[in-house]
């Protein structure tokens, strides 16, 4: 019974976190602007992979 209750609350918390993240990102369509330093590091990493 205790495990069932913990699983119930855990599943509810997980589902609400996914739902709230989905709303915050407008169904995955919103990406915040990345800092320029991070963009430069990403470009360098891509060049190294090629």
PDB file of N, CA and C in Angstrom:
ATOM      1  N   UNK A   1       0.827  -1.199   0.000  1.00  0.00           N
ATOM      2  CA  UNK A   1       0.000   0.000   0.000  1.00  0.00           C
ATOM      3  C   UNK A   1       0.869   1.259   0.000  1.00  0.00           C
ATOM      4  N   UNK A   2       1.937   1.214   0.818  1.00  0.00           N
ATOM      5  CA  UNK A   2       2.821   2.378   0.902  1.00  0.00           C
ATOM      6  C   UNK A   2       3.523   2.635  -0.432  1.00  0.00           C
ATOM      7  N   UNK A   3       4.004   1.577  -1.089  1.00  0.00           N
ATOM      8  CA  UNK A   3       4.659   1.730  -2.387  1.00  0.00           C
ATOM      9  C   UNK A   3       3.698   2.259  -3.439  1.00  0.00           C
ATOM     10  N   UNK A   4       2.452   1.787  -3.383  1.00  0.00           N
ATOM     11  CA  UNK A   4       1.445   2.248  -4.344  1.00  0.00           C
ATOM     12  C   UNK A   4       1.213   3.748  -4.174  1.00  0.00           C
ATOM     13  N   UNK A   5       1.133   4.193  -2.933  1.00  0.00           N
ATOM     14  CA  UNK A   5       0.894   5.603  -2.646  1.00  0.00           C
ATOM     15  C   UNK A   5       2.085   6.457  -3.097  1.00  0.00           C
ATOM     16  N   UNK A   6       3.289   5.995  -2.824  1.00  0.00           N
ATOM     17  CA  UNK A   6       4.480   6.734  -3.249  1.00  0.00           C
ATOM     18  C   UNK A   6       4.554   6.791  -4.774  1.00  0.00           C
ATOM     19  N   UNK A   7       4.262   5.683  -5.440  1.00  0.00           N
ATOM     20  CA  UNK A   7       4.267   5.675  -6.902  1.00  0.00           C
ATOM     21  C   UNK A   7       3.212   6.608  -7.465  1.00  0.00           C
ATOM     22  N   UNK A   8       2.058   6.653  -6.846  1.00  0.00           N
ATOM     23  CA  UNK A   8       0.986   7.541  -7.292  1.00  0.00           C
ATOM     24  C   UNK A   8       1.426   8.999  -7.228  1.00  0.00           C
ATOM     25  N   UNK A   9       1.986   9.409  -6.079  1.00  0.00           N
ATOM     26  CA  UNK A   9       2.450  10.791  -5.937  1.00  0.00           C
ATOM     27  C   UNK A   9       3.662  11.073  -6.818  1.00  0.00           C
ATOM     28  N   UNK A  10       4.536  10.112  -6.964  1.00  0.00           N
ATOM     29  CA  UNK A  10       5.702  10.294  -7.829  1.00  0.00           C
ATOM     30  C   UNK A  10       5.308  10.459  -9.282  1.00  0.00           C
ATOM     31  N   UNK A  11       4.383   9.649  -9.746  1.00  0.00           N
ATOM     32  CA  UNK A  11       3.909   9.763 -11.124  1.00  0.00           C
ATOM     33  C   UNK A  11       3.193  11.090 -11.356  1.00  0.00           C
ATOM     34  N   UNK A  12       2.411  11.520 -10.376  1.00  0.00           N
ATOM     35  CA  UNK A  12       1.706  12.794 -10.495  1.00  0.00           C
ATOM     36  C   UNK A  12       2.695  13.960 -10.543  1.00  0.00           C
ATOM     37  N   UNK A  13       3.730  13.915  -9.723  1.00  0.00           N
ATOM     38  CA  UNK A  13       4.737  14.980  -9.717  1.00  0.00           C
ATOM     39  C   UNK A  13       5.499  15.005 -11.033  1.00  0.00           C
ATOM     40  N   UNK A  14       5.845  13.824 -11.537  1.00  0.00           N
ATOM     41  CA  UNK A  14       6.567  13.741 -12.810  1.00  0.00           C
ATOM     42  C   UNK A  14       5.705  14.290 -13.949  1.00  0.00           C
ATOM     43  N   UNK A  15       4.454  13.880 -14.007  1.00  0.00           N
ATOM     44  CA  UNK A  15       3.558  14.351 -15.065  1.00  0.00           C
ATOM     45  C   UNK A  15       3.344  15.856 -14.994  1.00  0.00           C
ATOM     46  N   UNK A  16       3.205  16.404 -13.785  1.00  0.00           N
ATOM     47  CA  UNK A  16       3.001  17.849 -13.664  1.00  0.00           C
ATOM     48  C   UNK A  16       4.257  18.610 -14.052  1.00  0.00           C
ATOM     49  N   UNK A  17       5.437  18.059 -13.784  1.00  0.00           N
ATOM     50  CA  UNK A  17       6.676  18.720 -14.187  1.00  0.00           C
ATOM     51  C   UNK A  17       6.805  18.736 -15.704  1.00  0.00           C
ATOM     52  N   UNK A  18       6.472  17.623 -16.354  1.00  0.00           N
ATOM     53  CA  UNK A  18       6.520  17.568 -17.812  1.00  0.00           C
ATOM     54  C   UNK A  18       5.511  18.537 -18.403  1.00  0.00           C
ATOM     55  N   UNK A  19       4.307  18.574 -17.846  1.00  0.00           N
ATOM     56  CA  UNK A  19       3.262  19.456 -18.356  1.00  0.00           C
ATOM     57  C   UNK A  19       3.655  20.917 -18.197  1.00  0.00           C
ATOM     58  N   UNK A  20       4.209  21.292 -17.038  1.00  0.00           N
ATOM     59  CA  UNK A  20       4.571  22.689 -16.822  1.00  0.00           C
ATOM     60  C   UNK A  20       5.742  23.097 -17.706  1.00  0.00           C
ATOM     61  N   UNK A  21       6.685  22.192 -17.942  1.00  0.00           N
ATOM     62  CA  UNK A  21       7.798  22.506 -18.843  1.00  0.00           C
ATOM     63  C   UNK A  21       7.298  22.655 -20.268  1.00  0.00           C
ATOM     64  N   UNK A  22       6.314  21.849 -20.640  1.00  0.00           N
ATOM     65  CA  UNK A  22       5.737  21.932 -21.978  1.00  0.00           C
ATOM     66  C   UNK A  22       5.020  23.265 -22.167  1.00  0.00           C
ATOM     67  N   UNK A  23       4.297  23.709 -21.147  1.00  0.00           N
ATOM     68  CA  UNK A  23       3.619  24.999 -21.236  1.00  0.00           C
ATOM     69  C   UNK A  23       4.618  26.148 -21.284  1.00  0.00           C
ATOM     70  N   UNK A  24       5.664  26.055 -20.492  1.00  0.00           N
ATOM     71  CA  UNK A  24       6.642  27.136 -20.436  1.00  0.00           C
ATOM     72  C   UNK A  24       7.384  27.284 -21.762  1.00  0.00           C
ATOM     73  N   UNK A  25       7.575  26.172 -22.467  1.00  0.00           N
ATOM     74  CA  UNK A  25       8.309  26.245 -23.726  1.00  0.00           C
ATOM     75  C   UNK A  25       7.376  26.285 -24.923  1.00  0.00           C
ATOM     76  N   UNK A  26       6.069  26.439 -24.676  1.00  0.00           N
ATOM     77  CA  UNK A  26       5.088  26.503 -25.744  1.00  0.00           C
ATOM     78  C   UNK A  26       5.196  25.283 -26.648  1.00  0.00           C
ATOM     79  N   UNK A  27       5.084  24.123 -26.060  1.00  0.00           N
ATOM     80  CA  UNK A  27       5.131  22.828 -26.752  1.00  0.00           C
ATOM     81  C   UNK A  27       6.475  22.621 -27.451  1.00  0.00           C
ATOM     82  N   UNK A  28       7.541  23.120 -26.854  1.00  0.00           N
ATOM     83  CA  UNK A  28       8.872  22.892 -27.408  1.00  0.00           C
ATOM     84  C   UNK A  28       9.286  23.868 -28.484  1.00  0.00           C
ATOM     85  N   UNK A  29       8.487  24.864 -28.755  1.00  0.00           N
ATOM     86  CA  UNK A  29       8.789  25.794 -29.846  1.00  0.00           C
ATOM     87  C   UNK A  29       9.619  26.993 -29.382  1.00  0.00           C
ATOM     88  N   UNK A  30       9.760  27.184 -28.094  1.00  0.00           N
ATOM     89  CA  UNK A  30      10.486  28.351 -27.575  1.00  0.00           C
ATOM     90  C   UNK A  30      11.868  27.936 -27.095  1.00  0.00           C
ATOM     91  N   UNK A  31      12.871  28.631 -27.564  1.00  0.00           N
ATOM     92  CA  UNK A  31      14.223  28.408 -27.065  1.00  0.00           C
ATOM     93  C   UNK A  31      14.785  29.765 -26.687  1.00  0.00           C
ATOM     94  N   UNK A  32      15.251  29.858 -25.460  1.00  0.00           N
ATOM     95  CA  UNK A  32      15.799  31.121 -25.005  1.00  0.00           C
ATOM     96  C   UNK A  32      17.085  31.438 -25.756  1.00  0.00           C
ATOM     97  N   UNK A  33      17.392  32.736 -25.865  1.00  0.00           N
ATOM     98  CA  UNK A  33      18.601  33.148 -26.556  1.00  0.00           C
ATOM     99  C   UNK A  33      19.818  32.731 -25.728  1.00  0.00           C
ATOM    100  N   UNK A  34      20.767  32.107 -26.396  1.00  0.00           N
ATOM    101  CA  UNK A  34      21.968  31.652 -25.714  1.00  0.00           C
ATOM    102  C   UNK A  34      22.996  32.775 -25.663  1.00  0.00           C
ATOM    103  N   UNK A  35      23.795  32.821 -24.608  1.00  0.00           N
ATOM    104  CA  UNK A  35      24.862  33.814 -24.539  1.00  0.00           C
ATOM    105  C   UNK A  35      25.858  33.616 -25.688  1.00  0.00           C
ATOM    106  N   UNK A  36      26.488  34.698 -26.114  1.00  0.00           N
ATOM    107  CA  UNK A  36      27.426  34.627 -27.242  1.00  0.00           C
ATOM    108  C   UNK A  36      28.581  33.672 -26.951  1.00  0.00           C
ATOM    109  N   UNK A  37      29.068  33.663 -25.719  1.00  0.00           N
ATOM    110  CA  UNK A  37      30.176  32.769 -25.370  1.00  0.00           C
ATOM    111  C   UNK A  37      29.789  31.317 -25.603  1.00  0.00           C
ATOM    112  N   UNK A  38      28.575  30.970 -25.226  1.00  0.00           N
ATOM    113  CA  UNK A  38      28.106  29.600 -25.390  1.00  0.00           C
ATOM    114  C   UNK A  38      27.960  29.255 -26.876  1.00  0.00           C
ATOM    115  N   UNK A  39      27.506  30.204 -27.664  1.00  0.00           N
ATOM    116  CA  UNK A  39      27.376  29.968 -29.105  1.00  0.00           C
ATOM    117  C   UNK A  39      28.745  29.733 -29.740  1.00  0.00           C
ATOM    118  N   UNK A  40      29.748  30.489 -29.316  1.00  0.00           N
ATOM    119  CA  UNK A  40      31.100  30.311 -29.859  1.00  0.00           C
ATOM    120  C   UNK A  40      31.659  28.937 -29.486  1.00  0.00           C
ATOM    121  N   UNK A  41      31.432  28.506 -28.259  1.00  0.00           N
ATOM    122  CA  UNK A  41      31.906  27.194 -27.836  1.00  0.00           C
ATOM    123  C   UNK A  41      31.218  26.099 -28.638  1.00  0.00           C
ATOM    124  N   UNK A  42      29.936  26.258 -28.896  1.00  0.00           N
ATOM    125  CA  UNK A  42      29.188  25.265 -29.674  1.00  0.00           C
ATOM    126  C   UNK A  42      29.709  25.202 -31.107  1.00  0.00           C
ATOM    127  N   UNK A  43      30.005  26.348 -31.690  1.00  0.00           N
ATOM    128  CA  UNK A  43      30.542  26.368 -33.073  1.00  0.00           C
ATOM    129  C   UNK A  43      31.902  25.700 -33.128  1.00  0.00           C
ATOM    130  N   UNK A  44      32.749  25.943 -32.132  1.00  0.00           N
ATOM    131  CA  UNK A  44      34.072  25.303 -32.101  1.00  0.00           C
ATOM    132  C   UNK A  44      33.946  23.787 -31.952  1.00  0.00           C
ATOM    133  N   UNK A  45      33.002  23.339 -31.138  1.00  0.00           N
ATOM    134  CA  UNK A  45      32.794  21.903 -30.940  1.00  0.00           C
ATOM    135  C   UNK A  45      32.319  21.249 -32.236  1.00  0.00           C
ATOM    136  N   UNK A  46      31.463  21.944 -32.976  1.00  0.00           N
ATOM    137  CA  UNK A  46      30.971  21.401 -34.244  1.00  0.00           C
ATOM    138  C   UNK A  46      32.101  21.293 -35.257  1.00  0.00           C
ATOM    139  N   UNK A  47      32.998  22.301 -35.269  1.00  0.00           N
ATOM    140  CA  UNK A  47      34.135  22.277 -36.202  1.00  0.00           C
ATOM    141  C   UNK A  47      35.079  21.122 -35.882  1.00  0.00           C
ATOM    142  N   UNK A  48      35.263  20.842 -34.595  1.00  0.00           N
ATOM    143  CA  UNK A  48      36.143  19.750 -34.180  1.00  0.00           C
ATOM    144  C   UNK A  48      35.564  18.396 -34.572  1.00  0.00           C
ATOM    145  N   UNK A  49      34.232  18.272 -34.581  1.00  0.00           N
ATOM    146  CA  UNK A  49      33.599  17.006 -34.941  1.00  0.00           C
ATOM    147  C   UNK A  49      33.708  16.707 -36.422  1.00  0.00           C
ATOM    148  N   UNK A  50      33.854  17.725 -37.238  1.00  0.00           N
ATOM    149  CA  UNK A  50      33.884  17.517 -38.693  1.00  0.00           C
ATOM    150  C   UNK A  50      35.210  17.094 -39.184  1.00  0.00           C
TER     151      UNK A  50
END
